[in-house]
Amino acid sequence: MALAPVDPHDYAFAAISQILDQPEAPRPGLTGVAITPVEDDVYSRSSPGPFDAIRVKWTTRAASNDDYVVDETVGGNSIAVTSRRMTREAAIRFVDDRANEAQQRFDQLRNEMIANLAARTGTPSLL
């Protein structure tokens, strides 16, 4: 029985996954995302990922009166897409929801890549 050809990208994805899976002190509900504490009416979180060019960042800022908006950027040199006006609490919740959704999608993709590599190579998955 011949083995199926292995896509060389699978090895790269597995290596990236292992690098990203390095244990660190767990913080409840905040796995894998960068967080800037709320100070001076600014709150920020970034999505996970191995490349800054595709990492999404959400930042709240005061708009006027008691209204806040969220600026969403992709990578370091993009133009921000600004949300509608909302309360400070709603803006923080918006940022947290987006960051948590991004983390879940990243985890799912990483797990699929690891499972695909394990299936192709016949090695047990580390999941």
N, C-alpha and C. Protein backbone atom coordinates (compact mmCIF):
# COMPACT_ATOMS: atom_id res chain seq x y z
N MET A 1 0.84 -1.17 0.00
CA MET A 1 0.00 0.00 0.00
C MET A 1 0.89 1.24 0.00
N ALA A 2 0.67 2.12 -0.96
CA ALA A 2 1.48 3.33 -1.08
C ALA A 2 0.90 4.43 -0.20
N LEU A 3 1.80 5.21 0.37
CA LEU A 3 1.36 6.34 1.19
C LEU A 3 0.94 7.49 0.29
N ALA A 4 -0.04 8.24 0.74
CA ALA A 4 -0.49 9.41 0.00
C ALA A 4 0.59 10.48 0.08
N PRO A 5 0.75 11.26 -1.00
CA PRO A 5 1.76 12.32 -0.94
C PRO A 5 1.41 13.34 0.14
N VAL A 6 2.43 13.85 0.78
CA VAL A 6 2.23 14.81 1.86
C VAL A 6 2.50 16.22 1.32
N ASP A 7 1.57 17.10 1.58
CA ASP A 7 1.73 18.49 1.18
C ASP A 7 2.78 19.13 2.09
N PRO A 8 3.85 19.72 1.53
CA PRO A 8 4.90 20.31 2.37
C PRO A 8 4.38 21.44 3.26
N HIS A 9 3.27 22.06 2.88
CA HIS A 9 2.70 23.11 3.71
C HIS A 9 2.21 22.57 5.05
N ASP A 10 1.80 21.29 5.05
CA ASP A 10 1.32 20.69 6.29
C ASP A 10 2.39 20.74 7.38
N TYR A 11 3.63 20.51 7.01
CA TYR A 11 4.71 20.55 7.99
C TYR A 11 4.90 21.97 8.53
N ALA A 12 4.79 22.95 7.64
CA ALA A 12 4.93 24.34 8.08
C ALA A 12 3.80 24.72 9.03
N PHE A 13 2.57 24.32 8.68
CA PHE A 13 1.43 24.62 9.54
C PHE A 13 1.57 23.93 10.90
N ALA A 14 2.06 22.71 10.89
CA ALA A 14 2.24 21.99 12.15
C ALA A 14 3.31 22.67 13.01
N ALA A 15 4.38 23.13 12.37
CA ALA A 15 5.44 23.82 13.11
C ALA A 15 4.91 25.12 13.71
N ILE A 16 4.15 25.89 12.92
CA ILE A 16 3.57 27.13 13.43
C ILE A 16 2.64 26.83 14.59
N SER A 17 1.85 25.79 14.44
CA SER A 17 0.91 25.42 15.50
C SER A 17 1.64 25.06 16.79
N GLN A 18 2.74 24.32 16.67
CA GLN A 18 3.48 23.95 17.87
C GLN A 18 4.10 25.17 18.54
N ILE A 19 4.57 26.11 17.74
CA ILE A 19 5.13 27.34 18.30
C ILE A 19 4.05 28.11 19.04
N LEU A 20 2.87 28.20 18.44
CA LEU A 20 1.78 28.95 19.05
C LEU A 20 1.20 28.24 20.27
N ASP A 21 1.41 26.94 20.37
CA ASP A 21 0.86 26.18 21.49
C ASP A 21 1.76 26.17 22.72
N GLN A 22 2.80 26.98 22.74
CA GLN A 22 3.67 27.02 23.90
C GLN A 22 2.86 27.47 25.10
N PRO A 23 2.94 26.73 26.21
CA PRO A 23 2.13 27.10 27.37
C PRO A 23 2.57 28.42 27.99
N GLU A 24 1.59 29.16 28.44
CA GLU A 24 1.85 30.38 29.19
C GLU A 24 0.82 30.43 30.30
N ALA A 25 0.99 31.34 31.20
CA ALA A 25 0.05 31.44 32.31
C ALA A 25 -1.35 31.72 31.77
N PRO A 26 -2.30 30.82 32.00
CA PRO A 26 -3.64 31.03 31.45
C PRO A 26 -4.37 32.17 32.15
N ARG A 27 -5.12 32.91 31.34
CA ARG A 27 -5.96 33.97 31.86
C ARG A 27 -7.39 33.61 31.48
N PRO A 28 -8.27 33.46 32.43
CA PRO A 28 -9.63 33.01 32.14
C PRO A 28 -10.32 33.85 31.07
N GLY A 29 -10.80 33.18 30.01
CA GLY A 29 -11.56 33.84 28.97
C GLY A 29 -10.76 34.70 28.02
N LEU A 30 -9.44 34.73 28.15
CA LEU A 30 -8.64 35.63 27.33
C LEU A 30 -7.48 34.90 26.69
N THR A 31 -7.71 33.76 26.11
CA THR A 31 -6.62 32.97 25.56
C THR A 31 -6.17 33.49 24.22
N GLY A 32 -4.88 33.71 24.08
CA GLY A 32 -4.27 33.99 22.80
C GLY A 32 -4.49 35.36 22.20
N VAL A 33 -5.06 36.29 22.90
CA VAL A 33 -5.27 37.61 22.33
C VAL A 33 -4.55 38.66 23.16
N ALA A 34 -4.07 39.68 22.48
CA ALA A 34 -3.41 40.77 23.18
C ALA A 34 -4.47 41.74 23.69
N ILE A 35 -4.27 42.23 24.90
CA ILE A 35 -5.25 43.11 25.52
C ILE A 35 -4.56 44.37 26.03
N THR A 36 -5.16 45.50 25.73
CA THR A 36 -4.72 46.76 26.31
C THR A 36 -5.78 47.17 27.31
N PRO A 37 -5.41 47.36 28.57
CA PRO A 37 -6.42 47.71 29.58
C PRO A 37 -7.12 49.03 29.25
N VAL A 38 -8.30 49.18 29.82
CA VAL A 38 -9.05 50.42 29.62
C VAL A 38 -8.35 51.54 30.38
N GLU A 39 -7.90 52.52 29.65
CA GLU A 39 -7.31 53.71 30.27
C GLU A 39 -7.46 54.86 29.30
N ASP A 40 -7.74 56.00 29.81
CA ASP A 40 -7.95 57.18 28.97
C ASP A 40 -8.97 56.92 27.88
N ASP A 41 -10.04 56.21 28.22
CA ASP A 41 -11.13 55.94 27.30
C ASP A 41 -10.72 55.11 26.08
N VAL A 42 -9.64 54.34 26.18
CA VAL A 42 -9.20 53.49 25.08
C VAL A 42 -9.09 52.05 25.58
N TYR A 43 -9.64 51.12 24.81
CA TYR A 43 -9.55 49.69 25.12
C TYR A 43 -9.25 48.99 23.81
N SER A 44 -8.31 48.05 23.82
CA SER A 44 -7.88 47.44 22.57
C SER A 44 -7.60 45.96 22.76
N ARG A 45 -7.92 45.18 21.72
CA ARG A 45 -7.57 43.76 21.68
C ARG A 45 -7.17 43.42 20.26
N SER A 46 -6.31 42.42 20.14
CA SER A 46 -5.86 41.96 18.83
C SER A 46 -6.18 40.49 18.67
N SER A 47 -6.44 40.09 17.43
CA SER A 47 -6.72 38.69 17.15
C SER A 47 -5.43 37.88 17.19
N PRO A 48 -5.55 36.56 17.36
CA PRO A 48 -4.36 35.72 17.35
C PRO A 48 -3.88 35.51 15.92
N GLY A 49 -2.71 34.98 15.78
CA GLY A 49 -2.21 34.64 14.45
C GLY A 49 -0.71 34.81 14.37
N PRO A 50 -0.09 34.07 13.45
CA PRO A 50 1.36 34.09 13.36
C PRO A 50 1.93 35.29 12.61
N PHE A 51 1.09 36.03 11.88
CA PHE A 51 1.60 37.12 11.04
C PHE A 51 0.89 38.42 11.38
N ASP A 52 1.66 39.46 11.64
CA ASP A 52 1.08 40.76 11.98
C ASP A 52 0.26 41.32 10.82
N ALA A 53 0.65 41.01 9.60
CA ALA A 53 -0.04 41.56 8.43
C ALA A 53 -1.50 41.12 8.34
N ILE A 54 -1.85 40.00 8.96
CA ILE A 54 -3.24 39.53 8.90
C ILE A 54 -3.92 39.59 10.26
N ARG A 55 -3.25 40.13 11.26
CA ARG A 55 -3.83 40.22 12.59
C ARG A 55 -4.80 41.41 12.65
N VAL A 56 -5.97 41.18 13.21
CA VAL A 56 -6.99 42.22 13.33
C VAL A 56 -6.87 42.87 14.71
N LYS A 57 -7.05 44.18 14.74
CA LYS A 57 -7.00 44.91 16.01
C LYS A 57 -8.27 45.75 16.14
N TRP A 58 -8.87 45.69 17.33
CA TRP A 58 -10.06 46.48 17.63
C TRP A 58 -9.70 47.45 18.74
N THR A 59 -10.01 48.73 18.55
CA THR A 59 -9.69 49.76 19.53
C THR A 59 -10.89 50.66 19.73
N THR A 60 -11.29 50.84 20.99
CA THR A 60 -12.37 51.78 21.29
C THR A 60 -11.78 53.17 21.45
N ARG A 61 -12.62 54.16 21.18
CA ARG A 61 -12.22 55.55 21.44
C ARG A 61 -13.48 56.38 21.64
N ALA A 62 -13.32 57.45 22.41
CA ALA A 62 -14.44 58.35 22.65
C ALA A 62 -14.73 59.12 21.37
N ALA A 63 -16.01 59.23 21.03
CA ALA A 63 -16.41 59.97 19.83
C ALA A 63 -16.89 61.37 20.21
N SER A 64 -17.91 61.43 21.03
CA SER A 64 -18.41 62.71 21.53
C SER A 64 -19.36 62.42 22.68
N ASN A 65 -19.52 63.39 23.54
CA ASN A 65 -20.37 63.22 24.72
C ASN A 65 -20.00 61.91 25.42
N ASP A 66 -20.97 61.02 25.55
CA ASP A 66 -20.71 59.73 26.18
C ASP A 66 -20.71 58.61 25.15
N ASP A 67 -20.55 58.94 23.88
CA ASP A 67 -20.54 57.95 22.81
C ASP A 67 -19.12 57.48 22.52
N TYR A 68 -19.03 56.20 22.13
CA TYR A 68 -17.76 55.60 21.76
C TYR A 68 -17.92 54.91 20.42
N VAL A 69 -16.81 54.74 19.72
CA VAL A 69 -16.77 53.97 18.48
C VAL A 69 -15.64 52.96 18.58
N VAL A 70 -15.68 51.96 17.71
CA VAL A 70 -14.62 50.95 17.64
C VAL A 70 -13.97 51.04 16.27
N ASP A 71 -12.65 51.20 16.27
CA ASP A 71 -11.88 51.18 15.02
C ASP A 71 -11.33 49.78 14.84
N GLU A 72 -11.55 49.21 13.65
CA GLU A 72 -11.07 47.86 13.34
C GLU A 72 -10.05 47.97 12.21
N THR A 73 -8.85 47.45 12.45
CA THR A 73 -7.80 47.47 11.43
C THR A 73 -7.26 46.07 11.21
N VAL A 74 -6.71 45.83 10.03
CA VAL A 74 -6.06 44.56 9.71
C VAL A 74 -4.62 44.88 9.38
N GLY A 75 -3.69 44.32 10.15
CA GLY A 75 -2.28 44.62 9.93
C GLY A 75 -1.94 45.99 10.47
N GLY A 76 -0.70 46.37 10.28
CA GLY A 76 -0.23 47.63 10.85
C GLY A 76 -0.46 48.85 10.00
N ASN A 77 -0.71 48.69 8.71
CA ASN A 77 -0.79 49.85 7.82
C ASN A 77 -2.13 49.99 7.13
N SER A 78 -3.20 49.54 7.76
CA SER A 78 -4.50 49.62 7.10
C SER A 78 -5.30 50.82 7.61
N ILE A 79 -6.30 51.17 6.85
CA ILE A 79 -7.21 52.24 7.24
C ILE A 79 -8.29 51.63 8.12
N ALA A 80 -8.59 52.29 9.21
CA ALA A 80 -9.57 51.76 10.17
C ALA A 80 -10.98 51.83 9.61
N VAL A 81 -11.74 50.78 9.89
CA VAL A 81 -13.18 50.78 9.63
C VAL A 81 -13.82 51.09 10.98
N THR A 82 -14.63 52.14 11.02
CA THR A 82 -15.19 52.62 12.28
C THR A 82 -16.63 52.17 12.43
N SER A 83 -16.97 51.71 13.63
CA SER A 83 -18.32 51.23 13.93
C SER A 83 -19.27 52.41 14.14
N ARG A 84 -20.52 52.07 14.36
CA ARG A 84 -21.51 53.07 14.75
C ARG A 84 -21.22 53.53 16.17
N ARG A 85 -21.83 54.61 16.59
CA ARG A 85 -21.66 55.11 17.96
C ARG A 85 -22.42 54.21 18.94
N MET A 86 -21.83 54.04 20.13
CA MET A 86 -22.45 53.21 21.16
C MET A 86 -21.94 53.65 22.52
N THR A 87 -22.49 53.06 23.57
CA THR A 87 -22.02 53.38 24.92
C THR A 87 -20.64 52.77 25.13
N ARG A 88 -19.96 53.23 26.17
CA ARG A 88 -18.63 52.71 26.50
C ARG A 88 -18.69 51.21 26.76
N GLU A 89 -19.67 50.78 27.54
CA GLU A 89 -19.81 49.36 27.88
C GLU A 89 -20.10 48.53 26.63
N ALA A 90 -20.96 49.05 25.75
CA ALA A 90 -21.28 48.33 24.51
C ALA A 90 -20.05 48.23 23.61
N ALA A 91 -19.23 49.27 23.57
CA ALA A 91 -18.02 49.25 22.75
C ALA A 91 -17.03 48.20 23.27
N ILE A 92 -16.86 48.13 24.57
CA ILE A 92 -15.95 47.13 25.16
C ILE A 92 -16.49 45.73 24.89
N ARG A 93 -17.79 45.54 25.05
CA ARG A 93 -18.41 44.23 24.78
C ARG A 93 -18.24 43.86 23.30
N PHE A 94 -18.40 44.84 22.40
CA PHE A 94 -18.22 44.63 20.96
C PHE A 94 -16.81 44.13 20.67
N VAL A 95 -15.81 44.80 21.26
CA VAL A 95 -14.41 44.41 21.07
C VAL A 95 -14.17 43.00 21.61
N ASP A 96 -14.66 42.73 22.81
CA ASP A 96 -14.47 41.40 23.40
C ASP A 96 -15.14 40.31 22.57
N ASP A 97 -16.35 40.57 22.09
CA ASP A 97 -17.05 39.58 21.27
C ASP A 97 -16.29 39.28 19.98
N ARG A 98 -15.82 40.33 19.31
CA ARG A 98 -15.06 40.14 18.07
C ARG A 98 -13.77 39.37 18.32
N ALA A 99 -13.05 39.73 19.38
CA ALA A 99 -11.78 39.05 19.68
C ALA A 99 -12.01 37.59 20.05
N ASN A 100 -13.06 37.31 20.81
CA ASN A 100 -13.35 35.93 21.18
C ASN A 100 -13.75 35.10 19.97
N GLU A 101 -14.54 35.68 19.05
CA GLU A 101 -14.91 34.98 17.81
C GLU A 101 -13.67 34.68 16.97
N ALA A 102 -12.76 35.64 16.88
CA ALA A 102 -11.53 35.43 16.12
C ALA A 102 -10.69 34.32 16.74
N GLN A 103 -10.62 34.28 18.06
CA GLN A 103 -9.87 33.23 18.75
C GLN A 103 -10.48 31.87 18.46
N GLN A 104 -11.80 31.77 18.48
CA GLN A 104 -12.46 30.49 18.21
C GLN A 104 -12.20 30.03 16.78
N ARG A 105 -12.27 30.95 15.81
CA ARG A 105 -11.99 30.58 14.41
C ARG A 105 -10.54 30.15 14.25
N PHE A 106 -9.62 30.85 14.91
CA PHE A 106 -8.20 30.50 14.84
C PHE A 106 -7.96 29.11 15.43
N ASP A 107 -8.54 28.84 16.59
CA ASP A 107 -8.39 27.52 17.22
C ASP A 107 -8.94 26.42 16.33
N GLN A 108 -10.10 26.66 15.71
CA GLN A 108 -10.70 25.66 14.84
C GLN A 108 -9.80 25.38 13.63
N LEU A 109 -9.28 26.42 13.01
CA LEU A 109 -8.40 26.26 11.86
C LEU A 109 -7.13 25.52 12.25
N ARG A 110 -6.54 25.90 13.37
CA ARG A 110 -5.32 25.23 13.85
C ARG A 110 -5.58 23.75 14.09
N ASN A 111 -6.70 23.43 14.73
CA ASN A 111 -7.03 22.03 15.01
C ASN A 111 -7.27 21.24 13.72
N GLU A 112 -7.90 21.87 12.72
CA GLU A 112 -8.11 21.20 11.44
C GLU A 112 -6.79 20.93 10.74
N MET A 113 -5.84 21.88 10.82
CA MET A 113 -4.54 21.67 10.19
C MET A 113 -3.79 20.53 10.86
N ILE A 114 -3.84 20.48 12.18
CA ILE A 114 -3.16 19.41 12.91
C ILE A 114 -3.79 18.06 12.59
N ALA A 115 -5.12 18.01 12.56
CA ALA A 115 -5.80 16.76 12.25
C ALA A 115 -5.51 16.32 10.83
N ASN A 116 -5.45 17.26 9.89
CA ASN A 116 -5.14 16.94 8.49
C ASN A 116 -3.73 16.37 8.39
N LEU A 117 -2.79 16.98 9.06
CA LEU A 117 -1.42 16.48 9.04
C LEU A 117 -1.35 15.09 9.65
N ALA A 118 -2.04 14.88 10.75
CA ALA A 118 -2.03 13.57 11.41
C ALA A 118 -2.64 12.51 10.50
N ALA A 119 -3.71 12.86 9.80
CA ALA A 119 -4.36 11.90 8.90
C ALA A 119 -3.46 11.56 7.72
N ARG A 120 -2.75 12.53 7.19
CA ARG A 120 -1.88 12.30 6.03
C ARG A 120 -0.62 11.52 6.39
N THR A 121 -0.09 11.77 7.56
CA THR A 121 1.17 11.13 7.92
C THR A 121 0.98 9.89 8.76
N GLY A 122 -0.22 9.68 9.26
CA GLY A 122 -0.48 8.52 10.09
C GLY A 122 0.04 8.66 11.50
N THR A 123 0.41 9.88 11.89
CA THR A 123 0.89 10.11 13.25
C THR A 123 -0.27 10.57 14.11
N PRO A 124 -0.24 10.24 15.38
CA PRO A 124 -1.34 10.67 16.25
C PRO A 124 -1.35 12.18 16.42
N SER A 125 -2.53 12.73 16.50
CA SER A 125 -2.70 14.16 16.70
C SER A 125 -2.39 14.51 18.15
N LEU A 126 -1.87 15.70 18.36
CA LEU A 126 -1.55 16.17 19.71
C LEU A 126 -2.70 16.92 20.34
N LEU A 127 -3.88 16.87 19.74
CA LEU A 127 -5.03 17.62 20.26
C LEU A 127 -5.56 17.02 21.52
